[in-house]
């Protein structure tokens, strides 16, 4: 005889679990001081992101192309500059 009572996860319980997780996340973000400060930092970063990105692109354009002796277009200096700019943008908030 085969089992007729199989235990499967139904869509109801998956949705119920996601709803609880979302509610807990929102309660943390808007109900605690730490959560509110995280929301404020995220909003400030997202508002300044476009301006910082435009400034970064202008700086890169102003430097102009450099002659490269290697076949690869990547060099340690270029990667280091990009990482420095990313750190500046993320630490700006």
C-alpha atoms as a PDB file:
ATOM      1  CA  UNK A   1       0.000   0.000   0.000  1.00  0.00           C
ATOM      2  CA  UNK A   2       1.167   3.465  -0.753  1.00  0.00           C
ATOM      3  CA  UNK A   3       0.962   6.320   1.692  1.00  0.00           C
ATOM      4  CA  UNK A   4      -1.875   8.695   1.029  1.00  0.00           C
ATOM      5  CA  UNK A   5      -0.842  11.184   3.683  1.00  0.00           C
ATOM      6  CA  UNK A   6       2.230  12.851   2.179  1.00  0.00           C
ATOM      7  CA  UNK A   7       3.656  15.854   3.971  1.00  0.00           C
ATOM      8  CA  UNK A   8       4.327  18.616   1.497  1.00  0.00           C
ATOM      9  CA  UNK A   9       4.873  22.304   2.084  1.00  0.00           C
ATOM     10  CA  UNK A  10       1.842  24.158   0.861  1.00  0.00           C
ATOM     11  CA  UNK A  11       1.813  27.634  -0.626  1.00  0.00           C
ATOM     12  CA  UNK A  12      -0.108  28.896   2.391  1.00  0.00           C
ATOM     13  CA  UNK A  13       2.732  28.175   4.821  1.00  0.00           C
ATOM     14  CA  UNK A  14       5.387  29.591   2.522  1.00  0.00           C
ATOM     15  CA  UNK A  15       3.413  32.824   2.163  1.00  0.00           C
ATOM     16  CA  UNK A  16       2.664  32.908   5.872  1.00  0.00           C
ATOM     17  CA  UNK A  17       6.379  32.530   6.716  1.00  0.00           C
ATOM     18  CA  UNK A  18       7.404  35.251   4.260  1.00  0.00           C
ATOM     19  CA  UNK A  19       4.742  37.548   5.683  1.00  0.00           C
ATOM     20  CA  UNK A  20       6.020  37.055   9.207  1.00  0.00           C
ATOM     21  CA  UNK A  21       9.628  37.637   8.105  1.00  0.00           C
ATOM     22  CA  UNK A  22       8.635  40.839   6.283  1.00  0.00           C
ATOM     23  CA  UNK A  23       6.676  42.110   9.263  1.00  0.00           C
ATOM     24  CA  UNK A  24       9.586  41.461  11.611  1.00  0.00           C
ATOM     25  CA  UNK A  25      11.984  43.261   9.254  1.00  0.00           C
ATOM     26  CA  UNK A  26       9.702  46.296   8.971  1.00  0.00           C
ATOM     27  CA  UNK A  27       9.148  46.362  12.735  1.00  0.00           C
ATOM     28  CA  UNK A  28      12.916  46.376  13.262  1.00  0.00           C
ATOM     29  CA  UNK A  29      13.599  49.048  10.633  1.00  0.00           C
ATOM     30  CA  UNK A  30      10.898  51.451  11.751  1.00  0.00           C
ATOM     31  CA  UNK A  31      10.460  50.463  15.396  1.00  0.00           C
ATOM     32  CA  UNK A  32      13.990  50.752  16.755  1.00  0.00           C
ATOM     33  CA  UNK A  33      16.511  53.567  16.868  1.00  0.00           C
ATOM     34  CA  UNK A  34      19.148  51.439  15.150  1.00  0.00           C
ATOM     35  CA  UNK A  35      16.744  50.475  12.392  1.00  0.00           C
ATOM     36  CA  UNK A  36      15.678  54.067  11.801  1.00  0.00           C
ATOM     37  CA  UNK A  37      19.307  55.194  11.596  1.00  0.00           C
ATOM     38  CA  UNK A  38      19.960  52.430   9.052  1.00  0.00           C
ATOM     39  CA  UNK A  39      16.996  53.629   6.978  1.00  0.00           C
ATOM     40  CA  UNK A  40      18.234  57.237   7.173  1.00  0.00           C
ATOM     41  CA  UNK A  41      21.763  56.255   6.094  1.00  0.00           C
ATOM     42  CA  UNK A  42      20.394  54.189   3.223  1.00  0.00           C
ATOM     43  CA  UNK A  43      18.165  57.034   2.028  1.00  0.00           C
ATOM     44  CA  UNK A  44      20.992  59.559   2.299  1.00  0.00           C
ATOM     45  CA  UNK A  45      23.312  57.257   0.345  1.00  0.00           C
ATOM     46  CA  UNK A  46      20.724  56.645  -2.381  1.00  0.00           C
ATOM     47  CA  UNK A  47      20.013  60.371  -2.731  1.00  0.00           C
ATOM     48  CA  UNK A  48      23.716  61.203  -3.101  1.00  0.00           C
ATOM     49  CA  UNK A  49      24.488  58.221  -5.316  1.00  0.00           C
ATOM     50  CA  UNK A  50      23.599  59.912  -8.610  1.00  0.00           C
ATOM     51  CA  UNK A  51      25.632  63.026  -7.797  1.00  0.00           C
ATOM     52  CA  UNK A  52      28.654  61.014  -6.642  1.00  0.00           C
ATOM     53  CA  UNK A  53      28.486  58.780  -9.696  1.00  0.00           C
ATOM     54  CA  UNK A  54      28.367  61.789 -12.047  1.00  0.00           C
ATOM     55  CA  UNK A  55      31.370  63.314 -10.257  1.00  0.00           C
ATOM     56  CA  UNK A  56      33.289  60.036 -10.534  1.00  0.00           C
ATOM     57  CA  UNK A  57      32.533  59.727 -14.256  1.00  0.00           C
ATOM     58  CA  UNK A  58      33.628  63.335 -14.884  1.00  0.00           C
ATOM     59  CA  UNK A  59      36.939  62.683 -13.104  1.00  0.00           C
ATOM     60  CA  UNK A  60      37.568  59.589 -15.183  1.00  0.00           C
ATOM     61  CA  UNK A  61      36.743  61.451 -18.396  1.00  0.00           C
ATOM     62  CA  UNK A  62      39.032  64.371 -17.489  1.00  0.00           C
ATOM     63  CA  UNK A  63      42.042  62.107 -17.029  1.00  0.00           C
ATOM     64  CA  UNK A  64      41.839  60.910 -20.606  1.00  0.00           C
ATOM     65  CA  UNK A  65      43.139  57.696 -22.089  1.00  0.00           C
ATOM     66  CA  UNK A  66      46.564  56.431 -21.070  1.00  0.00           C
ATOM     67  CA  UNK A  67      48.964  54.530 -23.269  1.00  0.00           C
ATOM     68  CA  UNK A  68      49.327  50.950 -22.162  1.00  0.00           C
ATOM     69  CA  UNK A  69      52.179  48.618 -22.880  1.00  0.00           C
ATOM     70  CA  UNK A  70      50.285  45.529 -21.816  1.00  0.00           C
ATOM     71  CA  UNK A  71      47.775  43.559 -23.795  1.00  0.00           C
ATOM     72  CA  UNK A  72      45.325  43.661 -20.897  1.00  0.00           C
ATOM     73  CA  UNK A  73      43.492  46.923 -20.279  1.00  0.00           C
ATOM     74  CA  UNK A  74      43.634  46.439 -16.513  1.00  0.00           C
ATOM     75  CA  UNK A  75      46.526  47.488 -14.374  1.00  0.00           C
ATOM     76  CA  UNK A  76      47.068  47.646 -10.639  1.00  0.00           C
ATOM     77  CA  UNK A  77      46.889  51.452 -10.635  1.00  0.00           C
ATOM     78  CA  UNK A  78      43.525  51.520 -12.417  1.00  0.00           C
ATOM     79  CA  UNK A  79      42.015  48.940 -10.087  1.00  0.00           C
ATOM     80  CA  UNK A  80      43.394  50.748  -7.050  1.00  0.00           C
ATOM     81  CA  UNK A  81      41.869  54.044  -8.234  1.00  0.00           C
ATOM     82  CA  UNK A  82      38.485  52.434  -8.784  1.00  0.00           C
ATOM     83  CA  UNK A  83      38.532  50.836  -5.341  1.00  0.00           C
ATOM     84  CA  UNK A  84      39.526  54.149  -3.757  1.00  0.00           C
ATOM     85  CA  UNK A  85      36.624  55.920  -5.454  1.00  0.00           C
ATOM     86  CA  UNK A  86      34.194  53.215  -4.338  1.00  0.00           C
ATOM     87  CA  UNK A  87      35.412  53.549  -0.748  1.00  0.00           C
ATOM     88  CA  UNK A  88      34.982  57.337  -0.919  1.00  0.00           C
ATOM     89  CA  UNK A  89      31.423  57.033  -2.183  1.00  0.00           C
ATOM     90  CA  UNK A  90      30.405  54.424   0.399  1.00  0.00           C
ATOM     91  CA  UNK A  91      32.038  56.258   3.305  1.00  0.00           C
ATOM     92  CA  UNK A  92      30.450  59.555   2.234  1.00  0.00           C
ATOM     93  CA  UNK A  93      27.181  58.774   4.074  1.00  0.00           C
END
